[in-house]
C-alpha atoms as a PDB file:
ATOM      1  CA  MET A   1       0.007   0.000  -0.004  1.00  0.00           C
ATOM      2  CA  TYR A   2       2.882   2.359   0.756  1.00  0.00           C
ATOM      3  CA  LYS A   3       3.974   1.939  -2.875  1.00  0.00           C
ATOM      4  CA  TYR A   4       0.789   3.541  -4.065  1.00  0.00           C
ATOM      5  CA  PHE A   5       0.836   6.545  -1.810  1.00  0.00           C
ATOM      6  CA  SER A   6       4.483   7.355  -1.023  1.00  0.00           C
ATOM      7  CA  SER A   7       4.630  10.140  -3.623  1.00  0.00           C
ATOM      8  CA  ALA A   8       1.109  11.332  -2.794  1.00  0.00           C
ATOM      9  CA  TYR A   9       2.007  11.865   0.867  1.00  0.00           C
ATOM     10  CA  LYS A  10       5.122  13.829  -0.027  1.00  0.00           C
ATOM     11  CA  PHE A  11       3.634  16.123  -2.651  1.00  0.00           C
ATOM     12  CA  GLY A  12       0.324  16.599  -0.840  1.00  0.00           C
ATOM     13  CA  GLY A  13       2.087  17.547   2.369  1.00  0.00           C
ATOM     14  CA  ILE A  14       4.492  19.883   0.607  1.00  0.00           C
ATOM     15  CA  ALA A  15       1.651  21.554  -1.322  1.00  0.00           C
ATOM     16  CA  GLY A  16      -0.342  22.023   1.872  1.00  0.00           C
ATOM     17  CA  ALA A  17       2.641  23.548   3.633  1.00  0.00           C
ATOM     18  CA  PHE A  18       3.241  25.883   0.668  1.00  0.00           C
ATOM     19  CA  SER A  19      -0.389  26.916   0.862  1.00  0.00           C
ATOM     20  CA  VAL A  20      -0.070  27.850   4.537  1.00  0.00           C
ATOM     21  CA  ILE A  21       3.203  29.713   3.829  1.00  0.00           C
ATOM     22  CA  ALA A  22       1.497  31.567   0.961  1.00  0.00           C
ATOM     23  CA  PHE A  23      -1.400  32.532   3.250  1.00  0.00           C
ATOM     24  CA  ILE A  24       1.004  33.890   5.862  1.00  0.00           C
ATOM     25  CA  SER A  25       3.081  35.749   3.257  1.00  0.00           C
ATOM     26  CA  LEU A  26       0.043  37.234   1.554  1.00  0.00           C
ATOM     27  CA  SER A  27      -1.298  38.404   4.917  1.00  0.00           C
ATOM     28  CA  PHE A  28       1.670  40.766   5.165  1.00  0.00           C
ATOM     29  CA  LEU A  29       0.909  42.236   1.735  1.00  0.00           C
ATOM     30  CA  TYR A  30      -2.912  42.363   1.648  1.00  0.00           C
ATOM     31  CA  PRO A  31      -5.610  42.894   4.267  1.00  0.00           C
ATOM     32  CA  ASP A  32      -7.524  39.840   2.963  1.00  0.00           C
ATOM     33  CA  PRO A  33      -5.134  37.089   1.793  1.00  0.00           C
ATOM     34  CA  THR A  34      -7.938  34.566   1.282  1.00  0.00           C
ATOM     35  CA  ASN A  35      -8.750  35.334  -2.350  1.00  0.00           C
ATOM     36  CA  LEU A  36      -5.145  35.355  -3.566  1.00  0.00           C
ATOM     37  CA  ASN A  37      -4.476  32.207  -1.587  1.00  0.00           C
ATOM     38  CA  LEU A  38      -7.272  30.514  -3.517  1.00  0.00           C
ATOM     39  CA  VAL A  39      -5.564  31.550  -6.757  1.00  0.00           C
ATOM     40  CA  PHE A  40      -2.313  30.146  -5.415  1.00  0.00           C
ATOM     41  CA  GLY A  41      -4.179  26.923  -4.663  1.00  0.00           C
ATOM     42  CA  TYR A  42      -5.371  26.697  -8.272  1.00  0.00           C
ATOM     43  CA  VAL A  43      -1.712  26.757  -9.332  1.00  0.00           C
ATOM     44  CA  ILE A  44      -0.132  24.507  -6.703  1.00  0.00           C
ATOM     45  CA  THR A  45      -2.866  21.818  -6.652  1.00  0.00           C
ATOM     46  CA  PRO A  46      -2.469  20.620 -10.251  1.00  0.00           C
ATOM     47  CA  VAL A  47       1.318  20.814  -9.984  1.00  0.00           C
ATOM     48  CA  ALA A  48       1.309  18.655  -6.830  1.00  0.00           C
ATOM     49  CA  ILE A  49      -1.140  16.167  -8.371  1.00  0.00           C
ATOM     50  CA  PHE A  50       0.862  15.930 -11.582  1.00  0.00           C
ATOM     51  CA  LEU A  51       4.152  15.397  -9.774  1.00  0.00           C
ATOM     52  CA  ALA A  52       2.690  12.831  -7.396  1.00  0.00           C
ATOM     53  CA  ILE A  53       1.153  10.780 -10.210  1.00  0.00           C
ATOM     54  CA  LYS A  54       4.246  11.163 -12.436  1.00  0.00           C
ATOM     55  CA  PHE A  55       6.610  10.077  -9.657  1.00  0.00           C
ATOM     56  CA  PHE A  56       4.351   7.144  -8.785  1.00  0.00           C
ATOM     57  CA  LYS A  57       4.260   6.070 -12.425  1.00  0.00           C
ATOM     58  CA  GLU A  58       7.967   6.407 -13.063  1.00  0.00           C
ATOM     59  CA  TYR A  59       9.552   5.357  -9.780  1.00  0.00           C
ATOM     60  CA  SER A  60       7.054   3.029  -8.071  1.00  0.00           C
ATOM     61  CA  ASN A  61       5.144   1.397 -10.925  1.00  0.00           C
ATOM     62  CA  ASN A  62       7.727   0.683 -13.649  1.00  0.00           C
ATOM     63  CA  GLY A  63       6.387   3.336 -16.037  1.00  0.00           C
ATOM     64  CA  TYR A  64       2.799   2.083 -16.058  1.00  0.00           C
ATOM     65  CA  LEU A  65      -0.299   3.774 -14.698  1.00  0.00           C
ATOM     66  CA  SER A  66      -3.922   2.765 -14.735  1.00  0.00           C
ATOM     67  CA  PHE A  67      -6.656   5.341 -14.473  1.00  0.00           C
ATOM     68  CA  ALA A  68      -7.652   3.946 -11.057  1.00  0.00           C
ATOM     69  CA  GLU A  69      -4.072   4.197  -9.743  1.00  0.00           C
ATOM     70  CA  GLY A  70      -3.820   7.765 -10.959  1.00  0.00           C
ATOM     71  CA  MET A  71      -7.120   8.668  -9.336  1.00  0.00           C
ATOM     72  CA  SER A  72      -6.073   7.067  -6.046  1.00  0.00           C
ATOM     73  CA  VAL A  73      -2.728   8.835  -5.939  1.00  0.00           C
ATOM     74  CA  GLY A  74      -4.338  12.149  -6.959  1.00  0.00           C
ATOM     75  CA  PHE A  75      -7.080  11.783  -4.323  1.00  0.00           C
ATOM     76  CA  VAL A  76      -4.590  11.278  -1.512  1.00  0.00           C
ATOM     77  CA  THR A  77      -2.502  14.190  -2.802  1.00  0.00           C
ATOM     78  CA  TYR A  78      -5.254  16.815  -2.934  1.00  0.00           C
ATOM     79  CA  MET A  79      -6.936  15.592   0.243  1.00  0.00           C
ATOM     80  CA  LEU A  80      -3.696  15.773   2.195  1.00  0.00           C
ATOM     81  CA  GLU A  81      -2.995  19.214   0.719  1.00  0.00           C
ATOM     82  CA  ALA A  82      -6.471  20.378   1.801  1.00  0.00           C
ATOM     83  CA  ILE A  83      -6.126  18.898   5.297  1.00  0.00           C
ATOM     84  CA  VAL A  84      -2.678  20.438   5.919  1.00  0.00           C
ATOM     85  CA  SER A  85      -3.885  23.771   4.523  1.00  0.00           C
ATOM     86  CA  LEU A  86      -7.047  23.698   6.622  1.00  0.00           C
ATOM     87  CA  GLY A  87      -5.173  22.959   9.821  1.00  0.00           C
ATOM     88  CA  GLY A  88      -2.417  25.488   9.142  1.00  0.00           C
ATOM     89  CA  ILE A  89      -4.686  28.367   8.163  1.00  0.00           C
ATOM     90  CA  TRP A  90      -7.057  27.657  11.044  1.00  0.00           C
ATOM     91  CA  LEU A  91      -4.150  27.646  13.484  1.00  0.00           C
ATOM     92  CA  VAL A  92      -2.725  30.880  12.046  1.00  0.00           C
ATOM     93  CA  LEU A  93      -6.100  32.625  12.338  1.00  0.00           C
ATOM     94  CA  LEU A  94      -6.598  31.348  15.901  1.00  0.00           C
ATOM     95  CA  LEU A  95      -3.174  32.490  17.011  1.00  0.00           C
ATOM     96  CA  HIS A  96      -3.425  35.853  15.234  1.00  0.00           C
ATOM     97  CA  SER A  97      -6.937  37.041  15.964  1.00  0.00           C
ATOM     98  CA  THR A  98      -6.089  40.487  14.585  1.00  0.00           C
ATOM     99  CA  LEU A  99      -5.481  38.898  11.168  1.00  0.00           C
ATOM    100  CA  PHE A 100      -8.858  37.178  11.401  1.00  0.00           C
ATOM    101  CA  GLU A 101     -10.573  40.464  12.302  1.00  0.00           C
ATOM    102  CA  GLN A 102      -8.764  42.172   9.449  1.00  0.00           C
ATOM    103  CA  VAL A 103      -9.983  39.536   6.963  1.00  0.00           C
ATOM    104  CA  LYS A 104     -13.514  39.790   8.348  1.00  0.00           C
ATOM    105  CA  GLU A 105     -13.500  43.605   8.086  1.00  0.00           C
ATOM    106  CA  SER A 106     -12.223  43.378   4.523  1.00  0.00           C
ATOM    107  CA  LYS A 107     -15.022  41.021   3.544  1.00  0.00           C
ATOM    108  CA  LEU A 108     -17.621  43.283   5.196  1.00  0.00           C
ATOM    109  CA  GLU A 109     -16.195  46.291   3.378  1.00  0.00           C
ATOM    110  CA  VAL A 110     -16.373  44.557   0.003  1.00  0.00           C
ATOM    111  CA  LEU A 111     -19.962  43.517   0.754  1.00  0.00           C
ATOM    112  CA  SER A 112     -21.008  47.044   1.727  1.00  0.00           C
ATOM    113  CA  ASP A 113     -19.289  48.533  -1.339  1.00  0.00           C
ATOM    114  CA  SER A 114     -21.224  46.153  -3.564  1.00  0.00           C
ATOM    115  CA  LYS A 115     -24.561  46.445  -1.749  1.00  0.00           C
ATOM    116  CA  GLU A 116     -26.486  48.131  -4.587  1.00  0.00           C
ATOM    117  CA  SER A 117     -25.513  45.604  -7.254  1.00  0.00           C
ATOM    118  CA  ILE A 118     -26.023  42.640  -4.907  1.00  0.00           C
ATOM    119  CA  VAL A 119     -29.490  43.822  -3.865  1.00  0.00           C
ATOM    120  CA  ALA A 120     -30.390  44.440  -7.512  1.00  0.00           C
ATOM    121  CA  GLN A 121     -29.316  40.916  -8.485  1.00  0.00           C
ATOM    122  CA  VAL A 122     -30.494  38.740  -5.598  1.00  0.00           C
ATOM    123  CA  GLY A 123     -32.644  40.955  -3.373  1.00  0.00           C
ATOM    124  CA  GLU A 124     -32.480  42.541   0.058  1.00  0.00           C
ATOM    125  CA  ASN A 125     -33.072  39.266   1.959  1.00  0.00           C
ATOM    126  CA  SER A 126     -30.109  37.513   0.338  1.00  0.00           C
ATOM    127  CA  PHE A 127     -27.890  40.500   1.028  1.00  0.00           C
ATOM    128  CA  ASN A 128     -28.931  40.541   4.696  1.00  0.00           C
ATOM    129  CA  LEU A 129     -28.334  36.800   5.018  1.00  0.00           C
ATOM    130  CA  THR A 130     -24.866  37.209   3.525  1.00  0.00           C
ATOM    131  CA  LEU A 131     -24.111  40.124   5.829  1.00  0.00           C
ATOM    132  CA  GLU A 132     -25.198  38.116   8.856  1.00  0.00           C
ATOM    133  CA  SER A 133     -23.157  35.141   7.689  1.00  0.00           C
ATOM    134  CA  ILE A 134     -19.998  37.233   7.390  1.00  0.00           C
ATOM    135  CA  GLN A 135     -20.608  38.880  10.752  1.00  0.00           C
ATOM    136  CA  ASN A 136     -20.884  35.436  12.377  1.00  0.00           C
ATOM    137  CA  MET A 137     -17.870  34.037  10.534  1.00  0.00           C
ATOM    138  CA  LEU A 138     -15.278  32.028  12.510  1.00  0.00           C
ATOM    139  CA  PRO A 139     -11.626  31.228  11.694  1.00  0.00           C
ATOM    140  CA  TRP A 140     -12.764  27.678  10.945  1.00  0.00           C
ATOM    141  CA  ASP A 141     -15.030  28.971   8.156  1.00  0.00           C
ATOM    142  CA  ILE A 142     -12.145  30.625   6.359  1.00  0.00           C
ATOM    143  CA  ALA A 143      -9.914  27.594   6.701  1.00  0.00           C
ATOM    144  CA  LEU A 144     -12.677  25.217   5.598  1.00  0.00           C
ATOM    145  CA  ASN A 145     -13.458  27.350   2.546  1.00  0.00           C
ATOM    146  CA  ASP A 146      -9.802  27.225   1.534  1.00  0.00           C
ATOM    147  CA  ALA A 147      -9.698  23.452   1.955  1.00  0.00           C
ATOM    148  CA  LEU A 148     -12.894  22.939  -0.082  1.00  0.00           C
ATOM    149  CA  TRP A 149     -11.446  25.040  -2.903  1.00  0.00           C
ATOM    150  CA  LYS A 150      -8.490  22.679  -3.022  1.00  0.00           C
ATOM    151  CA  ILE A 151     -10.632  19.538  -3.035  1.00  0.00           C
ATOM    152  CA  ILE A 152     -13.120  20.545  -5.743  1.00  0.00           C
ATOM    153  CA  PRO A 153     -10.594  21.531  -8.418  1.00  0.00           C
ATOM    154  CA  GLY A 154      -8.314  18.731  -7.223  1.00  0.00           C
ATOM    155  CA  LEU A 155     -10.877  16.187  -8.326  1.00  0.00           C
ATOM    156  CA  PHE A 156     -11.102  17.626 -11.832  1.00  0.00           C
ATOM    157  CA  PHE A 157      -7.315  18.013 -12.161  1.00  0.00           C
ATOM    158  CA  THR A 158      -6.850  14.424 -11.006  1.00  0.00           C
ATOM    159  CA  ILE A 159      -9.233  13.106 -13.654  1.00  0.00           C
ATOM    160  CA  ILE A 160      -7.508  15.025 -16.424  1.00  0.00           C
ATOM    161  CA  ILE A 161      -3.958  14.216 -15.291  1.00  0.00           C
ATOM    162  CA  SER A 162      -4.799  10.519 -14.754  1.00  0.00           C
ATOM    163  CA  ILE A 163      -6.132  10.273 -18.295  1.00  0.00           C
ATOM    164  CA  ILE A 164      -3.126  12.050 -19.782  1.00  0.00           C
ATOM    165  CA  LEU A 165      -0.524  10.021 -17.887  1.00  0.00           C
ATOM    166  CA  ARG A 166      -2.341   6.675 -18.195  1.00  0.00           C
ATOM    167  CA  LYS A 167      -0.258   3.900 -19.708  1.00  0.00           C
ATOM    168  CA  ASN A 168      -1.163   0.227 -19.457  1.00  0.00           C
ATOM    169  CA  PRO A 169       1.215  -2.699 -20.006  1.00  0.00           C
ATOM    170  CA  ASN A 170      -0.881  -4.033 -22.950  1.00  0.00           C
END
């Protein structure tokens, strides 16, 4: 079993750690690092998945890869990346409550700046629900959102990369 996941553990863990480092670094540059960290996740996730599947194929599986093996390795990679990122960002926001308040204020400011267009598109009730949701936001919510936006694209990247790298011994 270790054969199947040795590269997935390495690249998933490294990608998750990079995501936390990116969040911390971006927090020094921007009041709300969450959006740019999501963009960083869209770049690092496919790279980590590709490298994990490629290393598995070349170094653990004699140059062969079935679609199922690629999907398994990719799944472990993006799930581990999401879990490490979730834990790291949650811990950073818990330890630095001023950063959390800064992110929350930034989100409230963006919402208030866009009030007219939001109300015109979805109505006053939806705007008020969104406002209440942001006001009640916890550090866990931000970390969970980041993790989910690593899992969802990770699934699609894994499918594509597994198909591209697939090679059977036939």
